[in-house]
Amino acid sequence: MPRPFHRSARPARAALLSAAPAAALALALLAATPAVAVAPPLSDPRIVAHFDIAEHLQPENIALEPDGSVDLTFSLARQVGRVGPDGRLTVLATLPAPEHPATPMLGAAVVSGLARAHDGTLYFTYATGTEDLTGLWRLCPGGEPERIAAFPADGLPNGLALDEHAGVLYSADSVLGLVRAVPLDGGAPEVWSDDALLKPVTAFGANGLKVHHGAVWVGNTDTGSLLRIPVGPDGTAGPVEVRATGLDGFDDFAFVGAGDDVLATLNPSSEVVHLASDGTRHTVLDAADGLSNPTSVAIGGDTVYVPSAAFFTLADPNLLAATLER
């Protein structure tokens, strides 16, 4: 959830419409064909669901179901929902509204990070600026949402990742700039890493978070950096390593395959970039493909899913899918 910015208006095309009939017809046909900027290793971008911004249905984070459904947190609606293979949205839970929301940097109550266990249990973070609601929540299949760990009200819990083998959930706090660890069954959280590289500079520090190859990887939105924190044999955090920089508006990421290649969402510029482990990078999706301030990314088989929240464009929050060429 990086800071808002303003995009300039697109240039007018009225002068082109006065062209010769053949040229005008060609222009009309071109205008009727959606612009596509997709690049390898992705292809065939398509919007599988559009959401109603008037209802604050702006997706923030994502988890995938075995049947091809997609779970999403809708931050400002305080909801967790599921988009079926047919594109229809079902609301799974609505979090209780605080009487006086005071979430740092945002003011409003927001549901953010999302992780799914193998048994279908969903875990998500909720920030309200109040002691009674801020923290880590759980939704068991067929059950009701419950808070399993309380977080400080002056923080902004954001990205969330699950290491089911170790029985630990990791949560990034974007305002306090740290990573917490919480037992899978809930309980008192511990500050797992409070490294200076996780801190915000102006607004949002530690944000997107994943567990990969014996380490917790974290994106810092303000510094545009991808960080790797090794998990020691005793479960403690090792020294933070900088793996990439220059990712302006970095929100979230997902690993491509077994290596360290990453797809990263750049929120304000409405881009997804492919970041190779050798440091090379290029844009693979952008606004021409349908992105509208993408907030997260997930990969299931040969399909990449990218939710867009339209926090800054204020137009067409959606869920995009693209094919991953292996």
C-alpha atoms as a PDB file:
ATOM      1  CA  MET A   1       0.000   0.000   0.000  1.00  0.00           C
ATOM      2  CA  PRO A   2       2.371   2.733  -1.165  1.00  0.00           C
ATOM      3  CA  ARG A   3       1.597   6.442  -1.137  1.00  0.00           C
ATOM      4  CA  PRO A   4      -0.871   7.933  -3.630  1.00  0.00           C
ATOM      5  CA  PHE A   5       0.300   9.818  -6.664  1.00  0.00           C
ATOM      6  CA  HIS A   6      -1.390  11.469  -9.635  1.00  0.00           C
ATOM      7  CA  ARG A   7      -1.179  10.257 -13.191  1.00  0.00           C
ATOM      8  CA  SER A   8      -1.370  12.743 -16.108  1.00  0.00           C
ATOM      9  CA  ALA A   9      -4.355  12.528 -18.447  1.00  0.00           C
ATOM     10  CA  ARG A  10      -3.994  10.653 -21.726  1.00  0.00           C
ATOM     11  CA  PRO A  11      -3.599  12.875 -24.839  1.00  0.00           C
ATOM     12  CA  ALA A  12      -6.755  13.545 -26.799  1.00  0.00           C
ATOM     13  CA  ARG A  13      -7.305  11.640 -30.054  1.00  0.00           C
ATOM     14  CA  ALA A  14      -9.847  13.973 -31.635  1.00  0.00           C
ATOM     15  CA  ALA A  15      -7.433  15.131 -34.339  1.00  0.00           C
ATOM     16  CA  LEU A  16      -6.938  11.558 -35.532  1.00  0.00           C
ATOM     17  CA  LEU A  17     -10.648  11.085 -36.077  1.00  0.00           C
ATOM     18  CA  SER A  18     -10.561  13.612 -38.927  1.00  0.00           C
ATOM     19  CA  ALA A  19      -8.334  11.314 -40.997  1.00  0.00           C
ATOM     20  CA  ALA A  20      -9.386   9.774 -44.313  1.00  0.00           C
ATOM     21  CA  PRO A  21     -12.173   7.132 -44.114  1.00  0.00           C
ATOM     22  CA  ALA A  22      -9.810   4.190 -44.518  1.00  0.00           C
ATOM     23  CA  ALA A  23      -7.532   5.536 -41.815  1.00  0.00           C
ATOM     24  CA  ALA A  24     -10.500   6.274 -39.568  1.00  0.00           C
ATOM     25  CA  LEU A  25     -11.752   2.709 -40.007  1.00  0.00           C
ATOM     26  CA  ALA A  26      -8.320   1.321 -39.158  1.00  0.00           C
ATOM     27  CA  LEU A  27      -8.200   3.529 -36.083  1.00  0.00           C
ATOM     28  CA  ALA A  28     -11.633   2.350 -34.973  1.00  0.00           C
ATOM     29  CA  LEU A  29     -10.601  -1.282 -35.331  1.00  0.00           C
ATOM     30  CA  LEU A  30      -7.434  -0.586 -33.378  1.00  0.00           C
ATOM     31  CA  ALA A  31      -9.375   1.141 -30.619  1.00  0.00           C
ATOM     32  CA  ALA A  32     -11.719  -1.848 -30.374  1.00  0.00           C
ATOM     33  CA  THR A  33      -8.777  -4.201 -29.765  1.00  0.00           C
ATOM     34  CA  PRO A  34      -7.429  -4.091 -26.190  1.00  0.00           C
ATOM     35  CA  ALA A  35      -3.814  -2.954 -25.952  1.00  0.00           C
ATOM     36  CA  VAL A  36      -1.489  -5.707 -24.799  1.00  0.00           C
ATOM     37  CA  ALA A  37       2.009  -5.207 -23.448  1.00  0.00           C
ATOM     38  CA  VAL A  38       2.575  -8.659 -21.967  1.00  0.00           C
ATOM     39  CA  ALA A  39       6.120 -10.040 -22.290  1.00  0.00           C
ATOM     40  CA  PRO A  40       7.780 -13.446 -21.719  1.00  0.00           C
ATOM     41  CA  PRO A  41       7.686 -15.536 -19.633  1.00  0.00           C
ATOM     42  CA  LEU A  42       4.005 -14.479 -19.491  1.00  0.00           C
ATOM     43  CA  SER A  43       1.368 -14.556 -22.211  1.00  0.00           C
ATOM     44  CA  ASP A  44      -2.398 -14.380 -22.715  1.00  0.00           C
ATOM     45  CA  PRO A  45      -3.364 -11.829 -20.043  1.00  0.00           C
ATOM     46  CA  ARG A  46      -7.095 -11.728 -19.259  1.00  0.00           C
ATOM     47  CA  ILE A  47      -9.293 -10.218 -16.571  1.00  0.00           C
ATOM     48  CA  VAL A  48     -11.174 -12.979 -14.770  1.00  0.00           C
ATOM     49  CA  ALA A  49     -13.102 -10.770 -12.333  1.00  0.00           C
ATOM     50  CA  HIS A  50     -13.961  -7.089 -11.958  1.00  0.00           C
ATOM     51  CA  PHE A  51     -14.833  -5.656  -8.532  1.00  0.00           C
ATOM     52  CA  ASP A  52     -17.044  -2.794  -7.399  1.00  0.00           C
ATOM     53  CA  ILE A  53     -14.935   0.090  -6.128  1.00  0.00           C
ATOM     54  CA  ALA A  54     -18.055   1.762  -4.718  1.00  0.00           C
ATOM     55  CA  GLU A  55     -18.289  -1.197  -2.304  1.00  0.00           C
ATOM     56  CA  HIS A  56     -14.570  -0.837  -1.458  1.00  0.00           C
ATOM     57  CA  LEU A  57     -13.865  -4.202  -3.083  1.00  0.00           C
ATOM     58  CA  GLN A  58     -10.194  -3.463  -3.674  1.00  0.00           C
ATOM     59  CA  PRO A  59      -8.121  -6.654  -3.388  1.00  0.00           C
ATOM     60  CA  GLU A  60      -4.933  -6.497  -1.343  1.00  0.00           C
ATOM     61  CA  ASN A  61      -3.510 -10.010  -0.987  1.00  0.00           C
ATOM     62  CA  ILE A  62      -4.010 -13.449  -2.481  1.00  0.00           C
ATOM     63  CA  ALA A  63      -3.945 -17.201  -1.815  1.00  0.00           C
ATOM     64  CA  LEU A  64      -4.843 -20.037  -4.175  1.00  0.00           C
ATOM     65  CA  GLU A  65      -7.237 -22.948  -3.674  1.00  0.00           C
ATOM     66  CA  PRO A  66      -6.650 -26.450  -5.160  1.00  0.00           C
ATOM     67  CA  ASP A  67      -9.833 -26.226  -7.275  1.00  0.00           C
ATOM     68  CA  GLY A  68      -8.666 -23.114  -9.108  1.00  0.00           C
ATOM     69  CA  SER A  69     -10.491 -20.644  -6.879  1.00  0.00           C
ATOM     70  CA  VAL A  70      -8.661 -17.564  -5.655  1.00  0.00           C
ATOM     71  CA  ASP A  71      -8.872 -16.199  -2.108  1.00  0.00           C
ATOM     72  CA  LEU A  72      -8.457 -12.444  -1.644  1.00  0.00           C
ATOM     73  CA  THR A  73      -8.412  -9.915   1.146  1.00  0.00           C
ATOM     74  CA  PHE A  74     -10.404  -6.779   0.367  1.00  0.00           C
ATOM     75  CA  SER A  75      -8.611  -4.282   2.555  1.00  0.00           C
ATOM     76  CA  LEU A  76     -11.012  -1.353   2.907  1.00  0.00           C
ATOM     77  CA  ALA A  77     -14.122  -3.558   2.882  1.00  0.00           C
ATOM     78  CA  ARG A  78     -12.634  -5.514   5.830  1.00  0.00           C
ATOM     79  CA  GLN A  79     -13.459  -8.734   4.011  1.00  0.00           C
ATOM     80  CA  VAL A  80     -11.991 -12.026   2.877  1.00  0.00           C
ATOM     81  CA  GLY A  81     -13.530 -13.374  -0.317  1.00  0.00           C
ATOM     82  CA  ARG A  82     -13.182 -16.170  -2.847  1.00  0.00           C
ATOM     83  CA  VAL A  83     -13.379 -15.880  -6.617  1.00  0.00           C
ATOM     84  CA  GLY A  84     -14.499 -19.156  -8.170  1.00  0.00           C
ATOM     85  CA  PRO A  85     -13.320 -20.549 -11.504  1.00  0.00           C
ATOM     86  CA  ASP A  86     -16.441 -18.949 -13.013  1.00  0.00           C
ATOM     87  CA  GLY A  87     -15.307 -15.497 -11.836  1.00  0.00           C
ATOM     88  CA  ARG A  88     -18.007 -15.099  -9.189  1.00  0.00           C
ATOM     89  CA  LEU A  89     -17.121 -13.617  -5.814  1.00  0.00           C
ATOM     90  CA  THR A  90     -18.253 -15.145  -2.522  1.00  0.00           C
ATOM     91  CA  VAL A  91     -17.597 -13.253   0.723  1.00  0.00           C
ATOM     92  CA  LEU A  92     -16.144 -15.653   3.299  1.00  0.00           C
ATOM     93  CA  ALA A  93     -15.840 -13.267   6.234  1.00  0.00           C
ATOM     94  CA  THR A  94     -16.315  -9.648   7.215  1.00  0.00           C
ATOM     95  CA  LEU A  95     -14.167  -8.426  10.082  1.00  0.00           C
ATOM     96  CA  PRO A  96     -15.761  -6.452  12.931  1.00  0.00           C
ATOM     97  CA  ALA A  97     -15.540  -2.685  12.516  1.00  0.00           C
ATOM     98  CA  PRO A  98     -13.695  -0.742  15.206  1.00  0.00           C
ATOM     99  CA  GLU A  99     -15.661   2.009  16.886  1.00  0.00           C
ATOM    100  CA  HIS A 100     -12.857   4.509  16.333  1.00  0.00           C
ATOM    101  CA  PRO A 101     -10.434   3.287  13.629  1.00  0.00           C
ATOM    102  CA  ALA A 102      -6.999   4.865  13.887  1.00  0.00           C
ATOM    103  CA  THR A 103      -4.721   2.708  11.750  1.00  0.00           C
ATOM    104  CA  PRO A 104      -1.312   4.400  11.366  1.00  0.00           C
ATOM    105  CA  MET A 105      -0.762   6.017   7.936  1.00  0.00           C
ATOM    106  CA  LEU A 106      -4.227   4.954   6.741  1.00  0.00           C
ATOM    107  CA  GLY A 107      -6.823   5.883   9.347  1.00  0.00           C
ATOM    108  CA  ALA A 108      -9.259   3.233   8.121  1.00  0.00           C
ATOM    109  CA  ALA A 109      -9.359  -0.394   9.255  1.00  0.00           C
ATOM    110  CA  VAL A 110      -7.731  -2.704   6.673  1.00  0.00           C
ATOM    111  CA  VAL A 111      -7.396  -6.440   6.084  1.00  0.00           C
ATOM    112  CA  SER A 112      -4.035  -7.106   4.458  1.00  0.00           C
ATOM    113  CA  GLY A 113      -1.833 -10.208   4.335  1.00  0.00           C
ATOM    114  CA  LEU A 114      -3.232 -13.642   3.520  1.00  0.00           C
ATOM    115  CA  ALA A 115      -1.906 -17.204   3.795  1.00  0.00           C
ATOM    116  CA  ARG A 116      -3.551 -20.605   3.333  1.00  0.00           C
ATOM    117  CA  ALA A 117      -2.742 -23.850   5.173  1.00  0.00           C
ATOM    118  CA  HIS A 118      -3.055 -27.256   3.494  1.00  0.00           C
ATOM    119  CA  ASP A 119      -6.317 -27.959   5.359  1.00  0.00           C
ATOM    120  CA  GLY A 120      -7.959 -24.849   3.928  1.00  0.00           C
ATOM    121  CA  THR A 121      -7.534 -22.652   6.993  1.00  0.00           C
ATOM    122  CA  LEU A 122      -6.967 -19.022   6.033  1.00  0.00           C
ATOM    123  CA  TYR A 123      -4.798 -16.656   8.054  1.00  0.00           C
ATOM    124  CA  PHE A 124      -4.862 -12.882   7.561  1.00  0.00           C
ATOM    125  CA  THR A 125      -3.742  -9.686   9.224  1.00  0.00           C
ATOM    126  CA  TYR A 126      -6.079  -6.933  10.378  1.00  0.00           C
ATOM    127  CA  ALA A 127      -5.030  -3.390  11.311  1.00  0.00           C
ATOM    128  CA  THR A 128      -7.425  -1.003  13.036  1.00  0.00           C
ATOM    129  CA  GLY A 129      -5.307   1.185  15.291  1.00  0.00           C
ATOM    130  CA  THR A 130      -7.087  -0.367  18.283  1.00  0.00           C
ATOM    131  CA  GLU A 131      -5.759  -2.928  20.757  1.00  0.00           C
ATOM    132  CA  ASP A 132      -8.877  -5.102  20.677  1.00  0.00           C
ATOM    133  CA  LEU A 133      -8.798  -5.970  16.955  1.00  0.00           C
ATOM    134  CA  THR A 134      -5.327  -5.426  15.474  1.00  0.00           C
ATOM    135  CA  GLY A 135      -3.464  -8.667  14.903  1.00  0.00           C
ATOM    136  CA  LEU A 136      -3.404 -12.044  13.204  1.00  0.00           C
ATOM    137  CA  TRP A 137      -6.744 -13.694  12.447  1.00  0.00           C
ATOM    138  CA  ARG A 138      -7.791 -17.192  11.398  1.00  0.00           C
ATOM    139  CA  LEU A 139     -10.744 -18.543   9.404  1.00  0.00           C
ATOM    140  CA  CYS A 140     -11.244 -22.305   9.515  1.00  0.00           C
ATOM    141  CA  PRO A 141     -13.394 -23.874   6.771  1.00  0.00           C
ATOM    142  CA  GLY A 142     -17.033 -23.394   7.708  1.00  0.00           C
ATOM    143  CA  GLY A 143     -16.124 -21.367  10.782  1.00  0.00           C
ATOM    144  CA  GLU A 144     -16.071 -17.749  11.897  1.00  0.00           C
ATOM    145  CA  PRO A 145     -13.059 -15.434  11.916  1.00  0.00           C
ATOM    146  CA  GLU A 146     -11.148 -15.279  15.196  1.00  0.00           C
ATOM    147  CA  ARG A 147      -8.089 -13.373  16.337  1.00  0.00           C
ATOM    148  CA  ILE A 148      -5.276 -15.720  17.372  1.00  0.00           C
ATOM    149  CA  ALA A 149      -2.536 -13.171  18.083  1.00  0.00           C
ATOM    150  CA  ALA A 150      -2.719  -9.537  19.174  1.00  0.00           C
ATOM    151  CA  PHE A 151      -0.370  -7.009  17.553  1.00  0.00           C
ATOM    152  CA  PRO A 152       0.415  -3.487  18.790  1.00  0.00           C
ATOM    153  CA  ALA A 153      -2.156  -0.925  17.695  1.00  0.00           C
ATOM    154  CA  ASP A 154       0.550   1.520  16.550  1.00  0.00           C
ATOM    155  CA  GLY A 155       1.717  -0.822  13.785  1.00  0.00           C
ATOM    156  CA  LEU A 156       0.464  -1.810  10.332  1.00  0.00           C
ATOM    157  CA  PRO A 157       0.628  -5.601   9.837  1.00  0.00           C
ATOM    158  CA  ASN A 158       0.800  -6.216   6.110  1.00  0.00           C
ATOM    159  CA  GLY A 159       2.451  -9.130   4.280  1.00  0.00           C
ATOM    160  CA  LEU A 160       1.986 -12.627   5.713  1.00  0.00           C
ATOM    161  CA  ALA A 161       3.670 -15.965   5.011  1.00  0.00           C
ATOM    162  CA  LEU A 162       3.242 -19.445   6.422  1.00  0.00           C
ATOM    163  CA  ASP A 163       5.958 -22.020   7.078  1.00  0.00           C
ATOM    164  CA  GLU A 164       3.710 -24.969   7.826  1.00  0.00           C
ATOM    165  CA  HIS A 165       6.614 -27.381   8.330  1.00  0.00           C
ATOM    166  CA  ALA A 166       8.048 -25.202  11.104  1.00  0.00           C
ATOM    167  CA  GLY A 167       4.614 -24.264  12.427  1.00  0.00           C
ATOM    168  CA  VAL A 168       5.284 -20.537  12.131  1.00  0.00           C
ATOM    169  CA  LEU A 169       3.560 -17.551  10.535  1.00  0.00           C
ATOM    170  CA  TYR A 170       5.660 -14.511   9.625  1.00  0.00           C
ATOM    171  CA  SER A 171       4.082 -11.060   9.453  1.00  0.00           C
ATOM    172  CA  ALA A 172       5.651  -7.879   8.100  1.00  0.00           C
ATOM    173  CA  ASP A 173       4.799  -4.565   9.766  1.00  0.00           C
ATOM    174  CA  SER A 174       5.022  -1.701   7.270  1.00  0.00           C
ATOM    175  CA  VAL A 175       4.940   1.167   9.787  1.00  0.00           C
ATOM    176  CA  LEU A 176       7.192  -0.238  12.498  1.00  0.00           C
ATOM    177  CA  GLY A 177       9.482  -1.846   9.904  1.00  0.00           C
ATOM    178  CA  LEU A 178       9.905  -5.324  11.329  1.00  0.00           C
ATOM    179  CA  VAL A 179       8.930  -8.979  10.939  1.00  0.00           C
ATOM    180  CA  ARG A 180       7.037 -10.881  13.637  1.00  0.00           C
ATOM    181  CA  ALA A 181       6.811 -14.636  14.137  1.00  0.00           C
ATOM    182  CA  VAL A 182       3.643 -16.254  15.494  1.00  0.00           C
ATOM    183  CA  PRO A 183       3.074 -19.947  16.310  1.00  0.00           C
ATOM    184  CA  LEU A 184       0.657 -21.603  13.894  1.00  0.00           C
ATOM    185  CA  ASP A 185      -1.822 -22.203  16.708  1.00  0.00           C
ATOM    186  CA  GLY A 186      -1.629 -18.572  17.785  1.00  0.00           C
ATOM    187  CA  GLY A 187      -0.302 -16.967  20.912  1.00  0.00           C
ATOM    188  CA  ALA A 188       2.100 -14.211  21.786  1.00  0.00           C
ATOM    189  CA  PRO A 189       3.994 -12.860  18.754  1.00  0.00           C
ATOM    190  CA  GLU A 190       7.716 -12.238  18.892  1.00  0.00           C
ATOM    191  CA  VAL A 191       9.720  -9.665  16.962  1.00  0.00           C
ATOM    192  CA  TRP A 192      11.701 -11.972  14.706  1.00  0.00           C
ATOM    193  CA  SER A 193      13.709  -9.331  12.819  1.00  0.00           C
ATOM    194  CA  ASP A 194      13.976  -5.618  13.551  1.00  0.00           C
ATOM    195  CA  ASP A 195      16.760  -4.867  11.087  1.00  0.00           C
ATOM    196  CA  ALA A 196      17.282  -1.302   9.871  1.00  0.00           C
ATOM    197  CA  LEU A 197      16.793  -2.437   6.253  1.00  0.00           C
ATOM    198  CA  LEU A 198      13.157  -3.233   7.072  1.00  0.00           C
ATOM    199  CA  LYS A 199      12.363   0.313   8.234  1.00  0.00           C
ATOM    200  CA  PRO A 200      10.254   2.833   6.317  1.00  0.00           C
ATOM    201  CA  VAL A 201      11.845   6.008   5.017  1.00  0.00           C
ATOM    202  CA  THR A 202       8.713   8.092   4.543  1.00  0.00           C
ATOM    203  CA  ALA A 203       5.709   5.754   4.742  1.00  0.00           C
ATOM    204  CA  PHE A 204       5.773   1.980   4.135  1.00  0.00           C
ATOM    205  CA  GLY A 205       8.731  -0.237   4.991  1.00  0.00           C
ATOM    206  CA  ALA A 206       8.512  -4.046   5.192  1.00  0.00           C
ATOM    207  CA  ASN A 207       5.566  -5.136   3.046  1.00  0.00           C
ATOM    208  CA  GLY A 208       5.346  -8.264   0.884  1.00  0.00           C
ATOM    209  CA  LEU A 209       6.763 -11.386   2.487  1.00  0.00           C
ATOM    210  CA  LYS A 210       7.475 -14.989   1.429  1.00  0.00           C
ATOM    211  CA  VAL A 211       9.221 -18.069   2.867  1.00  0.00           C
ATOM    212  CA  HIS A 212      11.594 -19.577   0.294  1.00  0.00           C
ATOM    213  CA  HIS A 213      14.694 -21.809   0.411  1.00  0.00           C
ATOM    214  CA  GLY A 214      15.324 -21.564   4.134  1.00  0.00           C
ATOM    215  CA  ALA A 215      14.808 -17.842   4.361  1.00  0.00           C
ATOM    216  CA  VAL A 216      12.178 -15.179   4.824  1.00  0.00           C
ATOM    217  CA  TRP A 217      12.160 -12.771   1.885  1.00  0.00           C
ATOM    218  CA  VAL A 218      10.718  -9.290   2.394  1.00  0.00           C
ATOM    219  CA  GLY A 219      10.082  -6.324   0.139  1.00  0.00           C
ATOM    220  CA  ASN A 220      10.606  -2.789   1.463  1.00  0.00           C
ATOM    221  CA  THR A 221       8.257  -0.451  -0.397  1.00  0.00           C
ATOM    222  CA  ASP A 222       9.975   2.818   0.522  1.00  0.00           C
ATOM    223  CA  THR A 223      13.467   1.682  -0.425  1.00  0.00           C
ATOM    224  CA  GLY A 224      12.329  -0.441  -3.389  1.00  0.00           C
ATOM    225  CA  SER A 225      14.465  -3.322  -2.187  1.00  0.00           C
ATOM    226  CA  LEU A 226      14.078  -7.100  -2.010  1.00  0.00           C
ATOM    227  CA  LEU A 227      15.608  -8.527   1.160  1.00  0.00           C
ATOM    228  CA  ARG A 228      16.515 -12.067   2.198  1.00  0.00           C
ATOM    229  CA  ILE A 229      16.678 -13.063   5.882  1.00  0.00           C
ATOM    230  CA  PRO A 230      18.091 -16.551   6.515  1.00  0.00           C
ATOM    231  CA  VAL A 231      16.330 -18.706   9.091  1.00  0.00           C
ATOM    232  CA  GLY A 232      18.918 -20.149  11.484  1.00  0.00           C
ATOM    233  CA  PRO A 233      18.922 -23.763  12.722  1.00  0.00           C
ATOM    234  CA  ASP A 234      17.235 -22.571  15.916  1.00  0.00           C
ATOM    235  CA  GLY A 235      14.632 -20.563  13.988  1.00  0.00           C
ATOM    236  CA  THR A 236      16.161 -17.159  14.667  1.00  0.00           C
ATOM    237  CA  ALA A 237      16.767 -14.517  12.008  1.00  0.00           C
ATOM    238  CA  GLY A 238      20.163 -14.244  10.367  1.00  0.00           C
ATOM    239  CA  PRO A 239      21.734 -11.110   8.871  1.00  0.00           C
ATOM    240  CA  VAL A 240      19.635  -9.365   6.228  1.00  0.00           C
ATOM    241  CA  GLU A 241      20.884  -9.570   2.640  1.00  0.00           C
ATOM    242  CA  VAL A 242      19.902  -7.106  -0.100  1.00  0.00           C
ATOM    243  CA  ARG A 243      19.008  -9.075  -3.238  1.00  0.00           C
ATOM    244  CA  ALA A 244      17.610  -6.286  -5.441  1.00  0.00           C
ATOM    245  CA  THR A 245      17.036  -2.532  -5.424  1.00  0.00           C
ATOM    246  CA  GLY A 246      15.361   0.053  -7.649  1.00  0.00           C
ATOM    247  CA  LEU A 247      11.892  -1.487  -7.424  1.00  0.00           C
ATOM    248  CA  ASP A 248       9.900   1.737  -7.114  1.00  0.00           C
ATOM    249  CA  GLY A 249       6.514   1.203  -5.452  1.00  0.00           C
ATOM    250  CA  PHE A 250       7.380  -2.424  -4.631  1.00  0.00           C
ATOM    251  CA  ASP A 251       4.321  -4.068  -3.065  1.00  0.00           C
ATOM    252  CA  ASP A 252       4.488  -7.873  -3.255  1.00  0.00           C
ATOM    253  CA  PHE A 253       6.168 -10.736  -5.114  1.00  0.00           C
ATOM    254  CA  ALA A 254       6.120 -14.454  -5.900  1.00  0.00           C
ATOM    255  CA  PHE A 255       8.868 -16.880  -6.837  1.00  0.00           C
ATOM    256  CA  VAL A 256       8.879 -18.402 -10.315  1.00  0.00           C
ATOM    257  CA  GLY A 257       9.798 -22.068 -10.175  1.00  0.00           C
ATOM    258  CA  ALA A 258      12.389 -23.602  -7.874  1.00  0.00           C
ATOM    259  CA  GLY A 259      15.019 -20.880  -8.293  1.00  0.00           C
ATOM    260  CA  ASP A 260      15.151 -17.316  -7.045  1.00  0.00           C
ATOM    261  CA  ASP A 261      13.520 -15.615 -10.044  1.00  0.00           C
ATOM    262  CA  VAL A 262      10.711 -13.310  -8.911  1.00  0.00           C
ATOM    263  CA  LEU A 263       7.600 -11.656 -10.269  1.00  0.00           C
ATOM    264  CA  ALA A 264       7.180  -8.363  -8.404  1.00  0.00           C
ATOM    265  CA  THR A 265       4.257  -5.934  -8.389  1.00  0.00           C
ATOM    266  CA  LEU A 266       5.022  -2.218  -8.641  1.00  0.00           C
ATOM    267  CA  ASN A 267       1.861  -0.618  -7.375  1.00  0.00           C
ATOM    268  CA  PRO A 268       1.803   3.071  -8.419  1.00  0.00           C
ATOM    269  CA  SER A 269       3.102   2.424 -11.947  1.00  0.00           C
ATOM    270  CA  SER A 270       0.753  -0.552 -12.513  1.00  0.00           C
ATOM    271  CA  GLU A 271       3.502  -2.985 -13.499  1.00  0.00           C
ATOM    272  CA  VAL A 272       4.633  -6.524 -12.852  1.00  0.00           C
ATOM    273  CA  VAL A 273       8.342  -7.053 -13.444  1.00  0.00           C
ATOM    274  CA  HIS A 274      10.310 -10.257 -13.882  1.00  0.00           C
ATOM    275  CA  LEU A 275      13.419 -10.114 -11.730  1.00  0.00           C
ATOM    276  CA  ALA A 276      15.983 -12.783 -12.571  1.00  0.00           C
ATOM    277  CA  SER A 277      18.417 -14.096  -9.978  1.00  0.00           C
ATOM    278  CA  ASP A 278      21.298 -12.633 -12.037  1.00  0.00           C
ATOM    279  CA  GLY A 279      19.872  -9.137 -11.499  1.00  0.00           C
ATOM    280  CA  THR A 280      18.352  -8.573 -14.942  1.00  0.00           C
ATOM    281  CA  ARG A 281      14.727  -7.445 -15.063  1.00  0.00           C
ATOM    282  CA  HIS A 282      11.991  -6.410 -17.446  1.00  0.00           C
ATOM    283  CA  THR A 283       8.307  -5.509 -17.332  1.00  0.00           C
ATOM    284  CA  VAL A 284       6.007  -8.419 -18.144  1.00  0.00           C
ATOM    285  CA  LEU A 285       2.580  -6.830 -17.469  1.00  0.00           C
ATOM    286  CA  ASP A 286       1.360  -3.256 -17.253  1.00  0.00           C
ATOM    287  CA  ALA A 287      -1.750  -1.089 -17.469  1.00  0.00           C
ATOM    288  CA  ALA A 288      -2.233  -1.997 -21.138  1.00  0.00           C
ATOM    289  CA  ASP A 289      -2.911  -5.571 -19.991  1.00  0.00           C
ATOM    290  CA  GLY A 290      -5.486  -4.454 -17.421  1.00  0.00           C
ATOM    291  CA  LEU A 291      -3.409  -3.774 -14.300  1.00  0.00           C
ATOM    292  CA  SER A 292      -4.703  -0.995 -12.070  1.00  0.00           C
ATOM    293  CA  ASN A 293      -2.274  -0.629  -9.141  1.00  0.00           C
ATOM    294  CA  PRO A 294      -1.433  -4.329  -8.601  1.00  0.00           C
ATOM    295  CA  THR A 295      -1.037  -5.310  -4.955  1.00  0.00           C
ATOM    296  CA  SER A 296       0.119  -8.941  -4.965  1.00  0.00           C
ATOM    297  CA  VAL A 297       0.846 -11.944  -7.159  1.00  0.00           C
ATOM    298  CA  ALA A 298       0.460 -15.717  -6.904  1.00  0.00           C
ATOM    299  CA  ILE A 299       1.412 -18.608  -9.162  1.00  0.00           C
ATOM    300  CA  GLY A 300      -0.601 -21.809  -9.496  1.00  0.00           C
ATOM    301  CA  GLY A 301       0.729 -24.298 -12.039  1.00  0.00           C
ATOM    302  CA  ASP A 302       1.046 -22.443 -15.323  1.00  0.00           C
ATOM    303  CA  THR A 303      -1.183 -19.538 -14.299  1.00  0.00           C
ATOM    304  CA  VAL A 304      -0.150 -16.251 -12.711  1.00  0.00           C
ATOM    305  CA  TYR A 305      -2.799 -14.300 -10.803  1.00  0.00           C
ATOM    306  CA  VAL A 306      -2.481 -10.577 -10.104  1.00  0.00           C
ATOM    307  CA  PRO A 307      -5.099  -8.609  -8.144  1.00  0.00           C
ATOM    308  CA  SER A 308      -5.305  -4.846  -8.710  1.00  0.00           C
ATOM    309  CA  ALA A 309      -6.731  -2.545  -6.034  1.00  0.00           C
ATOM    310  CA  ALA A 310      -6.996   0.714  -8.030  1.00  0.00           C
ATOM    311  CA  PHE A 311      -5.941   2.633  -4.931  1.00  0.00           C
ATOM    312  CA  PHE A 312      -4.610   5.520  -7.044  1.00  0.00           C
ATOM    313  CA  THR A 313      -6.243   5.086 -10.445  1.00  0.00           C
ATOM    314  CA  LEU A 314      -9.655   4.683  -8.762  1.00  0.00           C
ATOM    315  CA  ALA A 315     -10.713   2.675 -11.815  1.00  0.00           C
ATOM    316  CA  ASP A 316     -11.419  -1.024 -12.297  1.00  0.00           C
ATOM    317  CA  PRO A 317     -10.137  -3.039  -9.345  1.00  0.00           C
ATOM    318  CA  ASN A 318      -9.829  -6.537 -10.769  1.00  0.00           C
ATOM    319  CA  LEU A 319      -8.212  -9.953 -10.803  1.00  0.00           C
ATOM    320  CA  LEU A 320      -5.989 -10.658 -13.813  1.00  0.00           C
ATOM    321  CA  ALA A 321      -4.687 -14.045 -14.935  1.00  0.00           C
ATOM    322  CA  ALA A 322      -1.856 -14.754 -17.356  1.00  0.00           C
ATOM    323  CA  THR A 323      -0.200 -17.898 -18.661  1.00  0.00           C
ATOM    324  CA  LEU A 324       3.304 -18.692 -17.418  1.00  0.00           C
ATOM    325  CA  GLU A 325       5.471 -20.164 -20.163  1.00  0.00           C
ATOM    326  CA  ARG A 326       7.719 -22.781 -18.547  1.00  0.00           C
END
